């Protein structure tokens, strides 16, 4: 769907139950949640957005946006759909957006679930970015999206050669990025500070991480959970998925859904996926 008011595009599924909003990572798109959406209980309303600058969504006006700018765009999009309250799920870069949204609009979030948490680098807008972060932009521009995706996608999948279907899906999503929108997201990642924002979040928050995540390893999730606990004064739930890398929702969609349902207090029904009960 495309919302003409905000210029945001999204993959959606209707339902009469709670609204779950899914926010993708930096080299991805709404399509990355296709298997998750298929495995979710049928009564839950699902929205997987394409962030500004992704998947035909209109880019943000700022050349160097902050997480709050993406959160504001999300708030406008949800308001245009008449949605007041959501369960918000962020993956990787999407965790920075999700936490910014929960900090700015706590009354609109019933539960926050952060998967493969990206901590950010706390760079002041306009200041030099860490070399590895800046290389994301220069490499993409030099190589083009297809070659860029071939080089980077294997790191997002645990044992990529043993999971070619997952690797192809991750690579396809990365190859579809728009260089301008991606550059905005890279700058946002550079300026993000997940832990600082989590210390200011009041809504219930939980974490999911892949045990074999080489991009945002479990140690990063532990730091994020500790920051949240500092602010809320209680431990944060964390579920670690075995046999999953950074793209955990694509590599282990059924396990990801079970974890999400448990953390969001939605129960753990028998889940059907591709014709099989699991």
Protein backbone atom coordinates (compact mmCIF):
# COMPACT_ATOMS: atom_id res chain seq x y z
CA UNK A 1 0.00 0.00 0.00
CA UNK A 2 0.98 3.63 -0.45
CA UNK A 3 -0.21 6.43 1.80
CA UNK A 4 -0.55 9.52 -0.38
CA UNK A 5 -0.50 11.88 2.61
CA UNK A 6 2.89 10.84 3.95
CA UNK A 7 4.45 9.18 0.92
CA UNK A 8 5.12 6.03 2.92
CA UNK A 9 4.71 2.59 1.35
CA UNK A 10 4.10 -0.55 3.38
CA UNK A 11 3.30 -4.24 3.22
CA UNK A 12 0.10 -4.82 5.23
CA UNK A 13 -2.29 -7.51 6.42
CA UNK A 14 -5.68 -6.81 7.93
CA UNK A 15 -6.82 -8.22 11.26
CA UNK A 16 -9.21 -7.46 14.09
CA UNK A 17 -6.65 -7.84 16.87
CA UNK A 18 -3.67 -5.78 18.02
CA UNK A 19 -1.63 -3.81 15.49
CA UNK A 20 1.98 -4.93 15.09
CA UNK A 21 4.28 -2.57 13.18
CA UNK A 22 7.54 -3.95 11.77
CA UNK A 23 10.53 -1.69 11.04
CA UNK A 24 13.28 -3.08 8.80
CA UNK A 25 17.04 -2.64 8.91
CA UNK A 26 19.40 -0.43 6.94
CA UNK A 27 20.01 -2.76 4.00
CA UNK A 28 16.52 -4.13 3.84
CA UNK A 29 12.86 -3.35 3.16
CA UNK A 30 9.33 -4.30 4.19
CA UNK A 31 9.55 -7.49 2.12
CA UNK A 32 12.08 -8.90 4.61
CA UNK A 33 9.17 -9.55 7.00
CA UNK A 34 7.14 -11.60 4.47
CA UNK A 35 7.67 -14.94 6.23
CA UNK A 36 7.12 -13.40 9.65
CA UNK A 37 3.81 -11.94 8.48
CA UNK A 38 2.81 -15.32 7.06
CA UNK A 39 3.57 -17.05 10.36
CA UNK A 40 1.80 -14.56 12.62
CA UNK A 41 -1.68 -15.41 13.99
CA UNK A 42 -4.39 -14.35 11.51
CA UNK A 43 -6.23 -11.97 13.84
CA UNK A 44 -3.25 -9.63 14.27
CA UNK A 45 -3.13 -6.58 12.01
CA UNK A 46 0.33 -6.26 10.50
CA UNK A 47 2.15 -3.32 8.95
CA UNK A 48 5.72 -3.57 7.66
CA UNK A 49 6.74 -0.15 6.44
CA UNK A 50 9.34 0.88 3.92
CA UNK A 51 11.24 3.58 5.79
CA UNK A 52 11.61 6.99 4.12
CA UNK A 53 13.98 6.58 1.19
CA UNK A 54 13.23 2.86 0.86
CA UNK A 55 10.86 0.89 -1.37
CA UNK A 56 9.26 3.91 -3.08
CA UNK A 57 8.68 5.70 0.22
CA UNK A 58 9.37 9.41 -0.05
CA UNK A 59 12.75 10.37 1.40
CA UNK A 60 13.10 12.70 4.35
CA UNK A 61 13.96 16.34 3.57
CA UNK A 62 17.04 16.46 5.81
CA UNK A 63 20.32 15.26 4.31
CA UNK A 64 21.43 14.07 7.76
CA UNK A 65 18.25 12.95 9.55
CA UNK A 66 18.11 11.73 13.14
CA UNK A 67 16.16 8.76 14.54
CA UNK A 68 13.50 11.22 15.73
CA UNK A 69 12.92 12.33 12.13
CA UNK A 70 12.08 8.77 11.10
CA UNK A 71 9.94 8.38 14.23
CA UNK A 72 8.01 11.52 13.32
CA UNK A 73 7.42 10.16 9.82
CA UNK A 74 6.15 6.91 11.33
CA UNK A 75 3.81 8.80 13.66
CA UNK A 76 2.32 10.70 10.72
CA UNK A 77 1.90 7.50 8.72
CA UNK A 78 0.11 5.70 11.58
CA UNK A 79 -2.10 8.72 12.19
CA UNK A 80 -3.07 8.71 8.51
CA UNK A 81 -4.16 5.07 8.95
CA UNK A 82 -6.21 5.95 12.04
CA UNK A 83 -3.96 3.83 14.29
CA UNK A 84 -3.56 5.10 17.85
CA UNK A 85 -1.62 2.32 19.61
CA UNK A 86 0.75 -0.39 18.39
CA UNK A 87 3.15 -3.15 19.28
CA UNK A 88 6.34 -1.82 17.70
CA UNK A 89 9.03 -4.20 16.43
CA UNK A 90 12.34 -2.90 15.14
CA UNK A 91 15.15 -4.84 13.48
CA UNK A 92 18.71 -3.48 13.45
CA UNK A 93 18.48 0.15 12.23
CA UNK A 94 14.76 -0.16 12.93
CA UNK A 95 15.54 -0.45 16.63
CA UNK A 96 16.85 3.12 16.66
CA UNK A 97 13.63 4.31 15.02
CA UNK A 98 11.45 2.21 17.33
CA UNK A 99 13.10 3.51 20.48
CA UNK A 100 12.91 7.11 19.26
CA UNK A 101 9.20 6.60 18.58
CA UNK A 102 8.59 5.07 22.01
CA UNK A 103 10.43 7.96 23.67
CA UNK A 104 8.50 10.61 21.76
CA UNK A 105 5.08 8.90 21.76
CA UNK A 106 4.98 6.53 24.75
CA UNK A 107 1.18 6.59 24.88
CA UNK A 108 1.09 5.10 21.37
CA UNK A 109 3.21 2.01 22.15
CA UNK A 110 1.88 -0.90 24.21
CA UNK A 111 5.02 -3.01 23.76
CA UNK A 112 8.42 -2.45 22.20
CA UNK A 113 10.40 -5.42 20.83
CA UNK A 114 13.95 -4.79 19.59
CA UNK A 115 15.66 -7.41 17.40
CA UNK A 116 19.38 -7.34 16.58
CA UNK A 117 19.78 -4.00 18.31
CA UNK A 118 21.91 -1.38 16.53
CA UNK A 119 23.52 0.88 19.13
CA UNK A 120 24.55 3.75 16.85
CA UNK A 121 27.72 5.82 17.23
CA UNK A 122 26.62 9.10 18.79
CA UNK A 123 28.18 11.26 16.06
CA UNK A 124 27.15 14.92 16.02
CA UNK A 125 25.45 15.65 12.67
CA UNK A 126 28.01 16.98 10.23
CA UNK A 127 30.99 15.58 12.13
CA UNK A 128 33.18 12.85 10.60
CA UNK A 129 31.69 9.38 10.78
CA UNK A 130 33.69 6.29 11.81
CA UNK A 131 35.53 4.94 8.77
CA UNK A 132 33.57 1.70 8.62
CA UNK A 133 30.28 3.61 8.72
CA UNK A 134 31.30 6.12 6.05
CA UNK A 135 32.47 3.22 3.87
CA UNK A 136 28.88 2.04 3.59
CA UNK A 137 28.10 5.10 1.48
CA UNK A 138 31.32 5.20 -0.55
CA UNK A 139 31.24 1.45 -1.26
CA UNK A 140 27.62 1.52 -2.38
CA UNK A 141 28.27 4.45 -4.71
CA UNK A 142 31.44 2.87 -6.11
CA UNK A 143 30.15 -0.68 -6.54
CA UNK A 144 26.46 -0.18 -7.22
CA UNK A 145 23.68 -1.86 -5.23
CA UNK A 146 23.97 -5.34 -6.77
CA UNK A 147 27.71 -5.78 -6.16
CA UNK A 148 27.42 -4.06 -2.79
CA UNK A 149 24.75 -6.59 -1.77
CA UNK A 150 26.77 -9.59 -3.00
CA UNK A 151 29.71 -8.49 -0.88
CA UNK A 152 27.81 -7.67 2.30
CA UNK A 153 24.80 -9.98 2.45
CA UNK A 154 26.66 -13.18 3.49
CA UNK A 155 27.70 -11.57 6.79
CA UNK A 156 24.03 -11.18 7.75
CA UNK A 157 23.29 -14.92 7.50
CA UNK A 158 24.64 -17.64 9.77
CA UNK A 159 26.35 -20.27 7.60
CA UNK A 160 25.23 -18.54 4.39
CA UNK A 161 26.36 -21.31 2.03
CA UNK A 162 24.19 -23.79 3.94
CA UNK A 163 21.17 -21.45 3.66
CA UNK A 164 21.15 -20.25 0.03
CA UNK A 165 17.46 -19.29 0.02
CA UNK A 166 17.94 -17.01 3.02
CA UNK A 167 21.07 -15.52 1.50
CA UNK A 168 19.28 -14.81 -1.78
CA UNK A 169 16.43 -13.06 0.03
CA UNK A 170 18.78 -10.93 2.11
CA UNK A 171 20.86 -10.06 -0.95
CA UNK A 172 17.77 -9.13 -2.97
CA UNK A 173 16.63 -6.72 -0.28
CA UNK A 174 20.04 -5.09 -0.06
CA UNK A 175 20.35 -4.82 -3.84
CA UNK A 176 17.05 -2.91 -3.92
CA UNK A 177 18.24 0.00 -1.75
CA UNK A 178 18.18 3.51 -3.16
CA UNK A 179 21.65 5.06 -2.69
CA UNK A 180 20.27 8.42 -1.56
CA UNK A 181 17.87 6.92 0.97
CA UNK A 182 20.58 4.55 2.17
CA UNK A 183 23.01 7.42 2.68
CA UNK A 184 20.45 9.21 4.84
CA UNK A 185 20.00 6.06 6.91
CA UNK A 186 23.77 5.65 7.31
CA UNK A 187 24.05 9.17 8.69
CA UNK A 188 21.16 8.48 11.05
CA UNK A 189 22.93 5.31 12.23
CA UNK A 190 26.08 7.34 12.84
CA UNK A 191 24.23 9.83 15.04
CA UNK A 192 22.02 7.31 16.83
CA UNK A 193 22.57 6.45 20.49
CA UNK A 194 20.30 3.56 21.38
CA UNK A 195 21.46 3.17 24.97
CA UNK A 196 20.97 6.84 25.82
CA UNK A 197 17.46 6.76 24.37
CA UNK A 198 16.59 3.51 26.14
CA UNK A 199 17.36 5.13 29.50
CA UNK A 200 14.47 7.50 28.74
CA UNK A 201 11.95 4.90 27.55
CA UNK A 202 9.05 4.11 29.86
CA UNK A 203 7.10 1.55 27.81
CA UNK A 204 7.54 -2.23 28.27
CA UNK A 205 10.53 -3.27 26.16
CA UNK A 206 12.10 -6.62 25.31
CA UNK A 207 14.86 -7.94 23.06
CA UNK A 208 15.51 -10.71 20.53
CA UNK A 209 18.96 -11.52 19.17
CA UNK A 210 20.52 -14.21 17.01
CA UNK A 211 23.13 -16.27 18.81
CA UNK A 212 25.41 -16.13 15.74
CA UNK A 213 24.83 -12.47 14.85
CA UNK A 214 28.16 -11.12 13.56
CA UNK A 215 26.83 -7.62 12.79
CA UNK A 216 25.10 -6.68 16.04
CA UNK A 217 26.32 -9.49 18.32
CA UNK A 218 24.57 -10.53 21.53
CA UNK A 219 26.97 -8.34 23.52
CA UNK A 220 25.34 -5.27 21.95
CA UNK A 221 21.90 -6.45 22.99
CA UNK A 222 23.24 -6.99 26.50
CA UNK A 223 24.42 -3.37 26.59
CA UNK A 224 21.04 -2.15 25.35
CA UNK A 225 19.18 -4.28 27.91
CA UNK A 226 21.41 -2.95 30.70
CA UNK A 227 20.72 0.65 29.62
CA UNK A 228 16.98 -0.01 29.63
CA UNK A 229 17.22 -1.59 33.08
CA UNK A 230 19.01 1.52 34.36
CA UNK A 231 16.11 3.68 33.26
CA UNK A 232 13.25 1.39 34.22
CA UNK A 233 14.75 -0.14 37.35
CA UNK A 234 14.03 -3.74 36.35
CA UNK A 235 15.65 -6.38 34.13
CA UNK A 236 14.68 -6.49 30.48
CA UNK A 237 13.52 -9.76 28.88
CA UNK A 238 15.94 -11.11 26.24
CA UNK A 239 15.36 -14.11 23.98
CA UNK A 240 18.33 -15.50 22.05
CA UNK A 241 17.58 -17.53 18.93
CA UNK A 242 20.04 -20.33 18.15
CA UNK A 243 21.17 -20.97 14.59
CA UNK A 244 20.39 -17.40 13.54
CA UNK A 245 22.57 -14.55 12.35
CA UNK A 246 21.80 -10.87 11.96
CA UNK A 247 18.86 -11.47 9.62
CA UNK A 248 17.27 -13.61 12.32
CA UNK A 249 13.69 -12.91 11.23
CA UNK A 250 14.51 -14.24 7.77
CA UNK A 251 16.68 -17.13 8.90
CA UNK A 252 14.39 -18.33 11.70
CA UNK A 253 10.97 -16.74 11.01
CA UNK A 254 8.94 -19.24 13.03
CA UNK A 255 11.22 -19.01 16.07
CA UNK A 256 11.20 -15.24 15.69
CA UNK A 257 7.39 -15.19 15.71
CA UNK A 258 7.25 -17.41 18.81
CA UNK A 259 9.64 -15.07 20.61
CA UNK A 260 7.70 -12.01 19.49
CA UNK A 261 4.36 -13.43 20.61
CA UNK A 262 5.81 -14.39 23.97
CA UNK A 263 7.46 -11.04 24.59
CA UNK A 264 4.42 -9.07 23.44
CA UNK A 265 2.09 -11.10 25.68
CA UNK A 266 0.10 -12.39 22.72
CA UNK A 267 0.34 -16.08 23.62
CA UNK A 268 2.15 -18.82 21.74
CA UNK A 269 -0.36 -20.66 19.51
CA UNK A 270 0.52 -23.43 17.10
CA UNK A 271 2.01 -21.58 14.16
CA UNK A 272 1.51 -22.62 10.55
CA UNK A 273 4.21 -21.83 8.03
CA UNK A 274 4.43 -23.09 4.47
CA UNK A 275 1.90 -25.80 5.17
CA UNK A 276 3.64 -27.28 8.22
CA UNK A 277 2.78 -27.17 11.92
CA UNK A 278 5.72 -26.27 14.11
